[in-house]
Amino acid sequence: MSDDLICGDHLLRRDGDTLAIGRRTGDDVVWLDDVAIGLLPEPARAALERGDTDDAALTLAVRSIVQAEVERGG
């Protein structure tokens, strides 16, 4: 898990052009969604490239993706 980034309550794992978003539950991780990095807003992509998980644009993008997943019933 050393390649995972922590963004708020979520874990981010980049795999090529895809970003996996997950949440830790005890010792396990539940992966909620995979998103094409190219669909993220430019400021969020730039923050991801820098590894800046405290960046407001990246945090907002992750929260929005998670909220969409919740609304879909995931």
N, C-alpha and C. Protein backbone atom coordinates (compact mmCIF):
# COMPACT_ATOMS: atom_id res chain seq x y z
N MET A 1 0.81 -1.19 0.00
CA MET A 1 0.00 0.00 0.00
C MET A 1 0.85 1.25 0.00
N SER A 2 2.12 1.14 -0.16
CA SER A 2 3.01 2.29 -0.06
C SER A 2 2.75 3.30 -1.18
N ASP A 3 2.12 2.89 -2.29
CA ASP A 3 1.83 3.81 -3.37
C ASP A 3 0.51 4.55 -3.17
N ASP A 4 -0.24 4.19 -2.15
CA ASP A 4 -1.51 4.84 -1.89
C ASP A 4 -1.29 6.21 -1.27
N LEU A 5 -2.16 7.14 -1.64
CA LEU A 5 -2.15 8.47 -1.05
C LEU A 5 -3.38 8.60 -0.17
N ILE A 6 -3.27 9.37 0.89
CA ILE A 6 -4.41 9.62 1.77
C ILE A 6 -4.93 11.02 1.48
N CYS A 7 -6.21 11.09 1.17
CA CYS A 7 -6.87 12.36 0.88
C CYS A 7 -8.10 12.42 1.76
N GLY A 8 -8.00 13.12 2.90
CA GLY A 8 -9.10 13.15 3.85
C GLY A 8 -9.33 11.76 4.40
N ASP A 9 -10.56 11.28 4.26
CA ASP A 9 -10.94 9.94 4.74
C ASP A 9 -10.74 8.87 3.68
N HIS A 10 -10.15 9.22 2.55
CA HIS A 10 -10.09 8.29 1.42
C HIS A 10 -8.67 7.97 1.01
N LEU A 11 -8.52 6.80 0.41
CA LEU A 11 -7.25 6.39 -0.16
C LEU A 11 -7.32 6.54 -1.66
N LEU A 12 -6.23 6.98 -2.24
CA LEU A 12 -6.15 7.14 -3.69
C LEU A 12 -5.03 6.24 -4.19
N ARG A 13 -5.30 5.52 -5.26
CA ARG A 13 -4.28 4.66 -5.86
C ARG A 13 -4.32 4.89 -7.37
N ARG A 14 -3.19 5.35 -7.88
CA ARG A 14 -3.10 5.60 -9.32
C ARG A 14 -2.61 4.35 -10.02
N ASP A 15 -3.30 4.01 -11.11
CA ASP A 15 -2.91 2.87 -11.93
C ASP A 15 -2.98 3.35 -13.38
N GLY A 16 -1.85 3.83 -13.89
CA GLY A 16 -1.82 4.37 -15.23
C GLY A 16 -2.67 5.62 -15.32
N ASP A 17 -3.68 5.58 -16.17
CA ASP A 17 -4.57 6.73 -16.37
C ASP A 17 -5.84 6.65 -15.53
N THR A 18 -5.83 5.75 -14.55
CA THR A 18 -7.01 5.54 -13.71
C THR A 18 -6.67 5.82 -12.25
N LEU A 19 -7.62 6.42 -11.56
CA LEU A 19 -7.48 6.68 -10.14
C LEU A 19 -8.53 5.87 -9.40
N ALA A 20 -8.08 5.00 -8.50
CA ALA A 20 -8.99 4.23 -7.65
C ALA A 20 -9.17 4.99 -6.34
N ILE A 21 -10.40 5.07 -5.89
CA ILE A 21 -10.72 5.78 -4.65
C ILE A 21 -11.32 4.77 -3.69
N GLY A 22 -10.75 4.71 -2.50
CA GLY A 22 -11.21 3.74 -1.51
C GLY A 22 -11.32 4.34 -0.13
N ARG A 23 -11.85 3.53 0.76
CA ARG A 23 -11.99 3.93 2.16
C ARG A 23 -11.53 2.78 3.03
N ARG A 24 -10.72 3.11 4.02
CA ARG A 24 -10.24 2.09 4.96
C ARG A 24 -11.36 1.73 5.93
N THR A 25 -11.55 0.43 6.10
CA THR A 25 -12.51 -0.08 7.08
C THR A 25 -11.77 -1.10 7.92
N GLY A 26 -11.30 -0.66 9.07
CA GLY A 26 -10.47 -1.52 9.90
C GLY A 26 -9.14 -1.76 9.21
N ASP A 27 -8.79 -3.02 9.03
CA ASP A 27 -7.53 -3.37 8.37
C ASP A 27 -7.70 -3.52 6.86
N ASP A 28 -8.91 -3.41 6.37
CA ASP A 28 -9.19 -3.59 4.95
C ASP A 28 -9.46 -2.26 4.27
N VAL A 29 -9.44 -2.29 2.94
CA VAL A 29 -9.81 -1.12 2.15
C VAL A 29 -10.94 -1.53 1.23
N VAL A 30 -12.00 -0.74 1.21
CA VAL A 30 -13.10 -0.94 0.29
C VAL A 30 -12.90 0.07 -0.83
N TRP A 31 -12.69 -0.44 -2.04
CA TRP A 31 -12.48 0.43 -3.19
C TRP A 31 -13.84 0.80 -3.75
N LEU A 32 -14.11 2.10 -3.75
CA LEU A 32 -15.42 2.61 -4.10
C LEU A 32 -15.61 2.83 -5.60
N ASP A 33 -14.60 3.38 -6.24
CA ASP A 33 -14.78 3.75 -7.63
C ASP A 33 -13.43 3.90 -8.31
N ASP A 34 -13.43 3.69 -9.62
CA ASP A 34 -12.27 3.97 -10.46
C ASP A 34 -12.67 5.08 -11.41
N VAL A 35 -11.80 6.07 -11.56
CA VAL A 35 -12.10 7.23 -12.37
C VAL A 35 -10.95 7.48 -13.33
N ALA A 36 -11.26 7.80 -14.57
CA ALA A 36 -10.23 8.20 -15.52
C ALA A 36 -9.66 9.55 -15.06
N ILE A 37 -8.36 9.60 -14.87
CA ILE A 37 -7.72 10.82 -14.36
C ILE A 37 -8.00 12.00 -15.28
N GLY A 38 -8.11 11.75 -16.58
CA GLY A 38 -8.39 12.83 -17.52
C GLY A 38 -9.74 13.51 -17.30
N LEU A 39 -10.64 12.87 -16.55
CA LEU A 39 -11.94 13.47 -16.26
C LEU A 39 -11.90 14.42 -15.08
N LEU A 40 -10.81 14.38 -14.32
CA LEU A 40 -10.68 15.30 -13.19
C LEU A 40 -10.41 16.71 -13.70
N PRO A 41 -10.87 17.73 -12.97
CA PRO A 41 -10.54 19.10 -13.35
C PRO A 41 -9.02 19.30 -13.32
N GLU A 42 -8.52 20.18 -14.16
CA GLU A 42 -7.07 20.40 -14.26
C GLU A 42 -6.41 20.68 -12.91
N PRO A 43 -6.97 21.54 -12.06
CA PRO A 43 -6.32 21.78 -10.76
C PRO A 43 -6.21 20.51 -9.91
N ALA A 44 -7.21 19.64 -9.99
CA ALA A 44 -7.16 18.38 -9.23
C ALA A 44 -6.11 17.45 -9.82
N ARG A 45 -6.01 17.40 -11.15
CA ARG A 45 -4.97 16.57 -11.80
C ARG A 45 -3.58 17.06 -11.42
N ALA A 46 -3.40 18.38 -11.42
CA ALA A 46 -2.10 18.95 -11.06
C ALA A 46 -1.73 18.59 -9.62
N ALA A 47 -2.69 18.68 -8.72
CA ALA A 47 -2.44 18.33 -7.32
C ALA A 47 -2.09 16.86 -7.19
N LEU A 48 -2.77 16.01 -7.95
CA LEU A 48 -2.49 14.58 -7.93
C LEU A 48 -1.07 14.32 -8.42
N GLU A 49 -0.68 14.99 -9.48
CA GLU A 49 0.69 14.84 -10.01
C GLU A 49 1.73 15.25 -8.97
N ARG A 50 1.43 16.28 -8.21
CA ARG A 50 2.35 16.76 -7.16
C ARG A 50 2.30 15.89 -5.92
N GLY A 51 1.25 15.07 -5.81
CA GLY A 51 1.06 14.28 -4.59
C GLY A 51 0.53 15.12 -3.45
N ASP A 52 -0.10 16.25 -3.79
CA ASP A 52 -0.61 17.20 -2.80
C ASP A 52 -2.05 16.86 -2.45
N THR A 53 -2.22 15.95 -1.52
CA THR A 53 -3.56 15.50 -1.16
C THR A 53 -4.29 16.48 -0.25
N ASP A 54 -3.62 17.55 0.17
CA ASP A 54 -4.28 18.59 0.96
C ASP A 54 -4.86 19.68 0.06
N ASP A 55 -4.60 19.59 -1.24
CA ASP A 55 -5.07 20.60 -2.17
C ASP A 55 -6.60 20.60 -2.22
N ALA A 56 -7.19 21.78 -2.15
CA ALA A 56 -8.65 21.90 -2.11
C ALA A 56 -9.32 21.35 -3.37
N ALA A 57 -8.71 21.54 -4.53
CA ALA A 57 -9.32 21.05 -5.78
C ALA A 57 -9.36 19.53 -5.81
N LEU A 58 -8.31 18.89 -5.36
CA LEU A 58 -8.29 17.42 -5.33
C LEU A 58 -9.26 16.89 -4.29
N THR A 59 -9.27 17.51 -3.14
CA THR A 59 -10.19 17.09 -2.08
C THR A 59 -11.64 17.21 -2.55
N LEU A 60 -11.98 18.31 -3.21
CA LEU A 60 -13.34 18.50 -3.71
C LEU A 60 -13.68 17.46 -4.77
N ALA A 61 -12.75 17.18 -5.66
CA ALA A 61 -12.99 16.19 -6.71
C ALA A 61 -13.25 14.82 -6.10
N VAL A 62 -12.44 14.43 -5.13
CA VAL A 62 -12.60 13.12 -4.48
C VAL A 62 -13.94 13.05 -3.76
N ARG A 63 -14.27 14.10 -3.01
CA ARG A 63 -15.55 14.10 -2.30
C ARG A 63 -16.73 14.03 -3.26
N SER A 64 -16.62 14.71 -4.38
CA SER A 64 -17.69 14.69 -5.37
C SER A 64 -17.87 13.30 -5.98
N ILE A 65 -16.76 12.64 -6.26
CA ILE A 65 -16.81 11.28 -6.82
C ILE A 65 -17.43 10.33 -5.82
N VAL A 66 -17.03 10.44 -4.57
CA VAL A 66 -17.57 9.58 -3.52
C VAL A 66 -19.07 9.85 -3.35
N GLN A 67 -19.47 11.11 -3.36
CA GLN A 67 -20.89 11.45 -3.22
C GLN A 67 -21.70 10.86 -4.38
N ALA A 68 -21.17 10.94 -5.57
CA ALA A 68 -21.86 10.35 -6.73
C ALA A 68 -22.01 8.84 -6.55
N GLU A 69 -20.99 8.20 -6.03
CA GLU A 69 -21.05 6.76 -5.78
C GLU A 69 -22.14 6.44 -4.75
N VAL A 70 -22.22 7.24 -3.70
CA VAL A 70 -23.24 7.04 -2.67
C VAL A 70 -24.64 7.20 -3.28
N GLU A 71 -24.80 8.23 -4.10
CA GLU A 71 -26.11 8.48 -4.70
C GLU A 71 -26.51 7.39 -5.69
N ARG A 72 -25.51 6.74 -6.31
CA ARG A 72 -25.80 5.62 -7.20
C ARG A 72 -26.15 4.35 -6.42
N GLY A 73 -25.86 4.39 -5.12
CA GLY A 73 -26.16 3.23 -4.28
C GLY A 73 -24.98 2.30 -4.11
N GLY A 74 -23.78 2.80 -4.34
CA GLY A 74 -22.58 1.97 -4.21
C GLY A 74 -22.03 1.92 -2.83
